[in-house]
Amino acid sequence: MSEHSGSSGGELVQLLTPQGERIDHPDFSYSGSDDEIAAHLRDMVLVRRIDAEATALQRQGELGIWTSLLGQEAAQIGAGRALRSQDVVFPSYREHGVAWCRDVDPLRLLGLFRGVDLGGWDPHAAKFFLYAIVIGAQTLHATGYAMGLEKDGEVGNNDPERDAAVISYFGDGATSQGDVNESFVFASSYNAPVVFFCQNNQWAISEPIERQSRIPLYRRADGFGFPGIRVDGNDVLAVKAVTEQALERARSGNGPTLIEAFTYRMGAHTTSDDPTKYRLDDELEQWRGKDPIERVKAYLSRAGAIDQAWLEELQAESDALAVRLREDCLTMPDPDVAASFENVYAEQTPYLAEQQAAYAEYTASFEEGN
């Protein structure tokens, strides 16, 4: 990355204004076609519908909790679509859009929040690891995995089919966690091929960003010796361009990058949170004017790349997705509770097997009416 676009540049990278106008940037560009931009719009609309349906399911008692991504669709789709198949993702607990980009069935996300599994997707096949509930812990996992890629010679080969990078997602609140800062130290010291992607949605639950840092978050990278950059997190084109460059830098063996996607959480932190207790309505309305979906829709409509028929077809697809998720969620089988004893160790110990058998016998006694 050039100095202009790095931590000393001090500017917000933007390629699409809130009004839906394309603009140029000296260091970043989006080279995709309008058809590809329309595909990003489809991604964002469907992911927002997944989020809305999951929130409704939780309100109706069908999910224990849900973490909304409302307003952060561009940050996740832009970064998710920048990945190559061999790249590896370590998410937090809000990356539903990135999961979508990695072909993880959203029903598997609902299963986790419904409490019927611990994340029912195959993390190795999807190259998308399980959600991390402990804030910031996934950055350590990502850094260690990236160090392993470097040791295994999977970076710096000038081979687009082989060279790989790791990306870890976290929020602004996580930057105050020791795990995240320790990850920065190791990633820098070992030149690990990892991209740290911070979705700065302005609120760490009820704590504003002003209480998290005295300087913009992307400048934290300066102290660790690698580039940091701030991108308009509601601009899917800019996010994709910035993330592509950071990932390529990592794959080429040039080490880590910190991306701060400057966005906003328009919903609650989780469905157990009430944001009206700590933020003003005026702030929310201001950010609604920067809606990531509406700006892409405005651009594509003016360009003649989409029309009303296209939007109606997308709406029908969105409705069908919502129906499938609801029906399949409500018919998810309850887990075998005794199965929680499995896969604790590579080889189950006799003591654990004895516990499992005793617990299975105990739970069976309720089914027999004893």
Protein backbone atom coordinates (compact mmCIF):
# COMPACT_ATOMS: atom_id res chain seq x y z
CA MET A 1 0.00 0.00 0.00
CA SER A 2 1.19 3.48 -0.72
CA GLU A 3 1.78 6.02 2.01
CA HIS A 4 -1.18 7.98 0.71
CA SER A 5 -3.57 5.14 1.34
CA GLY A 6 -1.94 3.82 4.49
CA SER A 7 -2.05 4.90 8.08
CA SER A 8 -0.42 8.25 7.38
CA GLY A 9 -2.85 9.18 4.62
CA GLY A 10 -5.60 10.09 7.02
CA GLU A 11 -8.50 9.86 4.59
CA LEU A 12 -11.61 7.74 4.26
CA VAL A 13 -11.43 5.63 1.12
CA GLN A 14 -14.68 5.98 -0.81
CA LEU A 15 -15.62 5.01 -4.37
CA LEU A 16 -19.42 5.37 -4.19
CA THR A 17 -21.02 8.32 -2.41
CA PRO A 18 -24.17 8.03 -0.28
CA GLN A 19 -26.02 9.55 -3.25
CA GLY A 20 -24.88 6.68 -5.46
CA GLU A 21 -22.27 8.56 -7.50
CA ARG A 22 -19.03 6.88 -8.57
CA ILE A 23 -15.88 8.79 -7.62
CA ASP A 24 -12.19 8.18 -8.20
CA HIS A 25 -9.48 7.49 -5.65
CA PRO A 26 -5.74 7.76 -6.38
CA ASP A 27 -4.86 4.39 -4.87
CA PHE A 28 -7.94 2.20 -5.14
CA SER A 29 -10.38 1.37 -7.87
CA TYR A 30 -13.24 -1.01 -8.46
CA SER A 31 -12.82 -2.76 -11.80
CA GLY A 32 -15.99 -4.86 -11.76
CA SER A 33 -18.89 -4.44 -14.17
CA ASP A 34 -22.34 -3.12 -13.35
CA ASP A 35 -23.54 -6.73 -13.43
CA GLU A 36 -21.11 -7.53 -10.65
CA ILE A 37 -22.26 -4.52 -8.68
CA ALA A 38 -25.84 -5.75 -9.12
CA ALA A 39 -24.69 -9.10 -7.73
CA HIS A 40 -23.37 -7.27 -4.65
CA LEU A 41 -26.74 -5.54 -4.30
CA ARG A 42 -28.45 -8.94 -4.43
CA ASP A 43 -26.10 -10.22 -1.72
CA MET A 44 -26.83 -7.28 0.54
CA VAL A 45 -30.60 -7.42 0.08
CA LEU A 46 -30.75 -11.14 0.81
CA VAL A 47 -28.45 -10.88 3.80
CA ARG A 48 -30.56 -8.07 5.22
CA ARG A 49 -33.64 -10.27 4.78
CA ILE A 50 -31.91 -13.12 6.62
CA ASP A 51 -31.17 -10.69 9.43
CA ALA A 52 -34.77 -9.43 9.57
CA GLU A 53 -36.21 -12.95 9.59
CA ALA A 54 -33.81 -14.08 12.32
CA THR A 55 -34.71 -11.06 14.44
CA ALA A 56 -38.41 -11.86 14.02
CA LEU A 57 -37.81 -15.48 14.97
CA GLN A 58 -36.04 -14.42 18.14
CA ARG A 59 -38.84 -12.04 19.07
CA GLN A 60 -41.26 -14.94 18.69
CA GLY A 61 -39.22 -17.14 21.01
CA GLU A 62 -37.74 -19.39 18.33
CA LEU A 63 -34.12 -18.23 18.78
CA GLY A 64 -32.40 -17.63 22.08
CA ILE A 65 -30.67 -14.48 20.81
CA TRP A 66 -29.62 -12.88 17.54
CA THR A 67 -26.81 -10.49 16.61
CA SER A 68 -28.03 -8.10 13.93
CA LEU A 69 -25.85 -6.82 11.09
CA LEU A 70 -28.33 -4.15 9.98
CA GLY A 71 -26.33 -1.34 8.35
CA GLN A 72 -23.13 -3.35 8.01
CA GLU A 73 -24.04 -5.28 4.85
CA ALA A 74 -21.56 -3.47 2.58
CA ALA A 75 -18.64 -4.04 4.95
CA GLN A 76 -19.32 -7.76 5.03
CA ILE A 77 -20.25 -8.36 1.40
CA GLY A 78 -17.44 -6.18 0.06
CA ALA A 79 -14.86 -8.00 2.16
CA GLY A 80 -16.43 -11.41 1.65
CA ARG A 81 -16.45 -11.10 -2.13
CA ALA A 82 -12.78 -10.06 -2.09
CA LEU A 83 -11.77 -13.50 -0.82
CA ARG A 84 -10.34 -16.29 -2.95
CA SER A 85 -11.43 -19.87 -2.38
CA GLN A 86 -8.21 -20.76 -0.52
CA ASP A 87 -8.40 -17.81 1.89
CA VAL A 88 -9.49 -18.56 5.45
CA VAL A 89 -11.97 -16.60 7.58
CA PHE A 90 -12.09 -16.28 11.36
CA PRO A 91 -15.33 -14.44 12.22
CA SER A 92 -16.74 -13.01 15.40
CA TYR A 93 -20.48 -13.59 15.91
CA ARG A 94 -21.99 -11.04 13.51
CA GLU A 95 -20.49 -12.02 10.14
CA HIS A 96 -23.66 -13.39 8.57
CA GLY A 97 -22.85 -11.63 5.29
CA VAL A 98 -19.38 -13.14 5.11
CA ALA A 99 -20.89 -16.56 5.87
CA TRP A 100 -23.23 -16.00 2.92
CA CYS A 101 -20.23 -15.26 0.68
CA ARG A 102 -18.61 -18.51 1.83
CA ASP A 103 -21.74 -20.50 0.91
CA VAL A 104 -22.64 -21.29 4.51
CA ASP A 105 -26.36 -22.02 4.59
CA PRO A 106 -27.94 -19.32 6.79
CA LEU A 107 -30.03 -22.04 8.38
CA ARG A 108 -26.82 -23.26 10.01
CA LEU A 109 -26.44 -19.81 11.60
CA LEU A 110 -29.97 -20.04 12.98
CA GLY A 111 -29.18 -23.46 14.43
CA LEU A 112 -26.42 -21.94 16.52
CA PHE A 113 -28.65 -19.21 17.91
CA ARG A 114 -31.54 -21.65 18.37
CA GLY A 115 -29.28 -23.78 20.54
CA VAL A 116 -29.55 -27.01 18.57
CA ASP A 117 -25.87 -27.13 17.56
CA LEU A 118 -22.57 -25.33 18.09
CA GLY A 119 -22.41 -24.18 14.47
CA GLY A 120 -23.53 -26.81 12.02
CA TRP A 121 -21.28 -25.96 9.09
CA ASP A 122 -17.96 -27.57 8.17
CA PRO A 123 -15.37 -24.86 8.88
CA HIS A 124 -12.65 -26.56 6.87
CA ALA A 125 -14.75 -27.04 3.75
CA ALA A 126 -16.12 -23.49 3.87
CA LYS A 127 -12.79 -21.98 4.94
CA PHE A 128 -15.04 -20.16 7.41
CA PHE A 129 -14.43 -21.08 11.02
CA LEU A 130 -17.06 -21.20 13.74
CA TYR A 131 -18.41 -18.05 15.33
CA ALA A 132 -16.31 -16.75 18.22
CA ILE A 133 -18.39 -15.67 21.19
CA VAL A 134 -15.43 -14.62 23.35
CA ILE A 135 -14.71 -11.11 22.12
CA GLY A 136 -11.44 -10.84 20.21
CA ALA A 137 -10.31 -14.45 20.73
CA GLN A 138 -10.63 -15.22 17.01
CA THR A 139 -7.81 -12.83 16.14
CA LEU A 140 -5.37 -15.10 18.01
CA HIS A 141 -6.68 -18.12 16.11
CA ALA A 142 -6.37 -16.24 12.83
CA THR A 143 -2.83 -15.10 13.52
CA GLY A 144 -1.69 -18.58 14.50
CA TYR A 145 -3.28 -20.06 11.39
CA ALA A 146 -1.64 -17.40 9.24
CA MET A 147 1.75 -18.11 10.79
CA GLY A 148 1.18 -21.75 9.87
CA LEU A 149 0.43 -20.85 6.25
CA GLU A 150 3.69 -18.94 6.09
CA LYS A 151 5.66 -21.82 7.61
CA ASP A 152 4.04 -24.24 5.15
CA GLY A 153 5.11 -22.13 2.18
CA GLU A 154 1.56 -21.17 1.18
CA VAL A 155 2.40 -17.50 0.61
CA GLY A 156 4.74 -15.57 -1.65
CA ASN A 157 4.82 -18.09 -4.50
CA ASN A 158 3.32 -15.78 -7.13
CA ASP A 159 0.71 -18.49 -7.63
CA PRO A 160 -2.89 -17.19 -7.50
CA GLU A 161 -4.23 -20.72 -7.10
CA ARG A 162 -2.03 -21.54 -4.12
CA ASP A 163 -1.06 -18.39 -2.22
CA ALA A 164 -3.50 -17.86 0.66
CA ALA A 165 -4.31 -15.30 3.30
CA VAL A 166 -6.30 -15.21 6.52
CA ILE A 167 -8.84 -12.56 7.47
CA SER A 168 -10.25 -11.99 10.93
CA TYR A 169 -13.34 -9.89 11.64
CA PHE A 170 -14.05 -8.04 14.86
CA GLY A 171 -15.75 -4.90 16.12
CA ASP A 172 -14.46 -1.64 17.51
CA GLY A 173 -15.03 -2.82 21.07
CA ALA A 174 -12.71 -5.79 20.52
CA THR A 175 -9.77 -3.46 19.82
CA SER A 176 -9.64 -2.82 23.58
CA GLN A 177 -9.15 -6.53 24.28
CA GLY A 178 -5.71 -7.87 25.06
CA ASP A 179 -6.16 -10.77 22.63
CA VAL A 180 -6.46 -8.40 19.68
CA ASN A 181 -3.38 -6.40 20.59
CA GLU A 182 -1.38 -9.56 21.23
CA SER A 183 -2.43 -10.76 17.79
CA PHE A 184 -1.11 -7.54 16.28
CA VAL A 185 2.26 -8.12 18.00
CA PHE A 186 2.66 -11.68 16.73
CA ALA A 187 1.34 -10.92 13.24
CA SER A 188 3.80 -8.08 12.83
CA SER A 189 6.77 -9.89 14.38
CA TYR A 190 6.27 -12.98 12.21
CA ASN A 191 5.07 -11.13 9.10
CA ALA A 192 1.94 -13.27 9.13
CA PRO A 193 -0.35 -13.21 6.06
CA VAL A 194 -3.40 -11.93 7.94
CA VAL A 195 -5.84 -9.08 7.40
CA PHE A 196 -7.44 -7.65 10.52
CA PHE A 197 -10.86 -6.35 9.51
CA CYS A 198 -12.44 -4.10 12.12
CA GLN A 199 -16.07 -3.17 11.57
CA ASN A 200 -16.21 0.08 13.49
CA ASN A 201 -19.97 0.37 13.95
CA GLN A 202 -19.49 3.19 16.49
CA TRP A 203 -20.84 1.33 19.52
CA ALA A 204 -19.25 -1.40 21.64
CA ILE A 205 -22.62 -2.45 23.02
CA SER A 206 -23.43 0.84 24.81
CA GLU A 207 -19.90 2.25 24.84
CA PRO A 208 -19.24 4.90 22.16
CA ILE A 209 -16.05 4.83 20.10
CA GLU A 210 -14.85 8.01 21.89
CA ARG A 211 -14.43 5.89 25.02
CA GLN A 212 -12.49 3.23 23.12
CA SER A 213 -9.70 5.21 21.49
CA ARG A 214 -8.17 8.69 21.43
CA ILE A 215 -7.14 8.23 17.79
CA PRO A 216 -8.84 6.65 14.74
CA LEU A 217 -8.65 2.89 15.08
CA TYR A 218 -6.78 2.31 11.83
CA ARG A 219 -3.84 4.28 13.24
CA ARG A 220 -3.35 1.58 15.88
CA ALA A 221 -1.44 -0.31 13.20
CA ASP A 222 1.34 2.31 13.29
CA GLY A 223 2.45 1.18 16.71
CA PHE A 224 2.73 -2.42 15.57
CA GLY A 225 4.61 -1.72 12.36
CA PHE A 226 2.13 -2.57 9.62
CA PRO A 227 -0.27 -0.55 7.46
CA GLY A 228 -3.66 0.62 8.61
CA ILE A 229 -6.40 2.09 6.46
CA ARG A 230 -9.90 3.46 6.99
CA VAL A 231 -12.54 2.72 4.38
CA ASP A 232 -16.15 3.80 4.07
CA GLY A 233 -17.76 0.66 5.45
CA ASN A 234 -21.09 1.51 3.80
CA ASP A 235 -19.47 1.59 0.35
CA VAL A 236 -19.36 -1.98 -0.98
CA LEU A 237 -17.11 -0.99 -3.90
CA ALA A 238 -14.49 0.67 -1.72
CA VAL A 239 -14.54 -2.14 0.84
CA LYS A 240 -13.97 -4.72 -1.87
CA ALA A 241 -11.12 -2.75 -3.44
CA VAL A 242 -9.35 -2.11 -0.14
CA THR A 243 -9.77 -5.69 1.07
CA GLU A 244 -8.53 -7.14 -2.23
CA GLN A 245 -5.35 -5.10 -1.96
CA ALA A 246 -4.78 -6.04 1.68
CA LEU A 247 -5.35 -9.74 0.97
CA GLU A 248 -3.00 -9.66 -1.99
CA ARG A 249 -0.37 -7.98 0.15
CA ALA A 250 -0.70 -10.82 2.67
CA ARG A 251 -0.65 -13.56 0.03
CA SER A 252 2.49 -12.06 -1.49
CA GLY A 253 4.36 -12.42 1.79
CA ASN A 254 4.30 -8.75 2.79
CA GLY A 255 2.55 -9.24 6.11
CA PRO A 256 -0.54 -7.98 7.91
CA THR A 257 -2.86 -5.02 7.37
CA LEU A 258 -5.48 -3.44 9.62
CA ILE A 259 -8.65 -2.31 7.84
CA GLU A 260 -11.09 -0.12 9.72
CA ALA A 261 -14.44 -0.24 7.97
CA PHE A 262 -16.18 2.91 9.19
CA THR A 263 -19.82 1.91 9.39
CA TYR A 264 -22.79 1.98 11.76
CA ARG A 265 -24.90 -0.55 13.58
CA MET A 266 -28.44 0.59 12.80
CA GLY A 267 -29.98 -2.13 14.94
CA ALA A 268 -29.36 -3.30 18.48
CA HIS A 269 -26.12 -4.93 19.60
CA THR A 270 -28.14 -8.10 20.10
CA THR A 271 -31.83 -8.77 20.53
CA SER A 272 -31.35 -8.44 24.29
CA ASP A 273 -30.10 -4.86 23.89
CA ASP A 274 -32.10 -1.60 23.81
CA PRO A 275 -30.07 1.04 21.92
CA THR A 276 -32.62 3.77 22.69
CA LYS A 277 -31.13 3.83 26.18
CA TYR A 278 -27.76 5.14 25.02
CA ARG A 279 -27.94 6.73 21.56
CA LEU A 280 -29.91 9.54 19.97
CA ASP A 281 -32.50 9.12 17.24
CA ASP A 282 -30.85 11.92 15.25
CA GLU A 283 -27.65 9.89 15.02
CA LEU A 284 -29.52 6.90 13.67
CA GLU A 285 -31.37 9.02 11.11
CA GLN A 286 -28.11 10.54 9.91
CA TRP A 287 -26.67 7.10 9.22
CA ARG A 288 -29.85 5.90 7.53
CA GLY A 289 -29.03 8.48 4.90
CA LYS A 290 -25.83 6.54 4.24
CA ASP A 291 -27.62 3.19 3.86
CA PRO A 292 -25.27 0.80 1.99
CA ILE A 293 -28.08 -0.78 -0.01
CA GLU A 294 -29.80 2.42 -1.13
CA ARG A 295 -26.61 3.97 -2.53
CA VAL A 296 -25.92 0.93 -4.74
CA LYS A 297 -29.54 0.82 -5.83
CA ALA A 298 -29.39 4.51 -6.76
CA TYR A 299 -26.24 4.04 -8.83
CA LEU A 300 -27.50 0.99 -10.70
CA SER A 301 -30.89 2.57 -11.40
CA ARG A 302 -29.29 5.68 -12.89
CA ALA A 303 -26.91 3.53 -14.93
CA GLY A 304 -29.82 1.53 -16.32
CA ALA A 305 -28.30 -1.70 -14.99
CA ILE A 306 -31.45 -2.63 -13.04
CA ASP A 307 -35.13 -1.82 -13.43
CA GLN A 308 -38.36 -2.37 -11.55
CA ALA A 309 -38.74 -5.89 -12.92
CA TRP A 310 -35.26 -6.78 -11.62
CA LEU A 311 -36.09 -5.42 -8.19
CA GLU A 312 -39.39 -7.31 -8.09
CA GLU A 313 -37.61 -10.54 -8.97
CA LEU A 314 -35.13 -9.91 -6.16
CA GLN A 315 -38.00 -9.25 -3.78
CA ALA A 316 -39.58 -12.57 -4.73
CA GLU A 317 -36.25 -14.34 -4.13
CA SER A 318 -35.98 -12.61 -0.77
CA ASP A 319 -39.49 -13.70 0.22
CA ALA A 320 -38.80 -17.30 -0.77
CA LEU A 321 -35.59 -17.32 1.26
CA ALA A 322 -37.44 -16.03 4.32
CA VAL A 323 -40.12 -18.72 3.99
CA ARG A 324 -37.49 -21.47 3.72
CA LEU A 325 -35.57 -20.22 6.73
CA ARG A 326 -38.67 -19.98 8.89
CA GLU A 327 -40.04 -23.38 7.94
CA ASP A 328 -36.72 -25.17 8.27
CA CYS A 329 -35.84 -23.40 11.52
CA LEU A 330 -39.11 -24.42 13.18
CA THR A 331 -38.59 -28.05 12.19
CA MET A 332 -34.99 -28.34 13.34
CA PRO A 333 -34.64 -31.46 15.50
CA ASP A 334 -33.52 -31.05 19.07
CA PRO A 335 -29.98 -32.30 19.64
CA ASP A 336 -29.10 -35.50 21.45
CA VAL A 337 -27.91 -33.99 24.71
CA ALA A 338 -25.68 -36.97 25.46
CA ALA A 339 -23.77 -36.20 22.27
CA SER A 340 -22.21 -33.22 24.07
CA PHE A 341 -19.78 -35.72 25.59
CA GLU A 342 -18.43 -36.64 22.15
CA ASN A 343 -15.47 -34.97 20.44
CA VAL A 344 -14.15 -33.54 23.70
CA TYR A 345 -10.90 -35.45 23.23
CA ALA A 346 -9.38 -37.05 20.16
CA GLU A 347 -9.90 -40.36 21.94
CA GLN A 348 -12.69 -40.48 24.48
CA THR A 349 -11.54 -41.39 27.97
CA PRO A 350 -13.17 -44.28 29.85
CA TYR A 351 -14.29 -41.86 32.56
CA LEU A 352 -16.03 -39.60 30.03
CA ALA A 353 -17.66 -42.60 28.32
CA GLU A 354 -18.99 -43.70 31.71
CA GLN A 355 -20.42 -40.23 32.29
CA GLN A 356 -22.04 -40.22 28.87
CA ALA A 357 -23.70 -43.58 29.44
CA ALA A 358 -24.98 -42.52 32.85
CA TYR A 359 -26.37 -39.28 31.49
CA ALA A 360 -28.07 -41.07 28.56
CA GLU A 361 -29.70 -43.44 31.05
CA TYR A 362 -30.82 -40.51 33.19
CA THR A 363 -32.43 -38.59 30.31
CA ALA A 364 -34.08 -41.76 29.01
CA SER A 365 -35.85 -42.16 32.34
CA PHE A 366 -37.89 -39.03 31.64
CA GLU A 367 -39.02 -40.41 28.27
CA GLU A 368 -40.20 -43.57 30.02
CA GLY A 369 -42.21 -41.52 32.49
CA ASN A 370 -40.22 -42.69 35.50
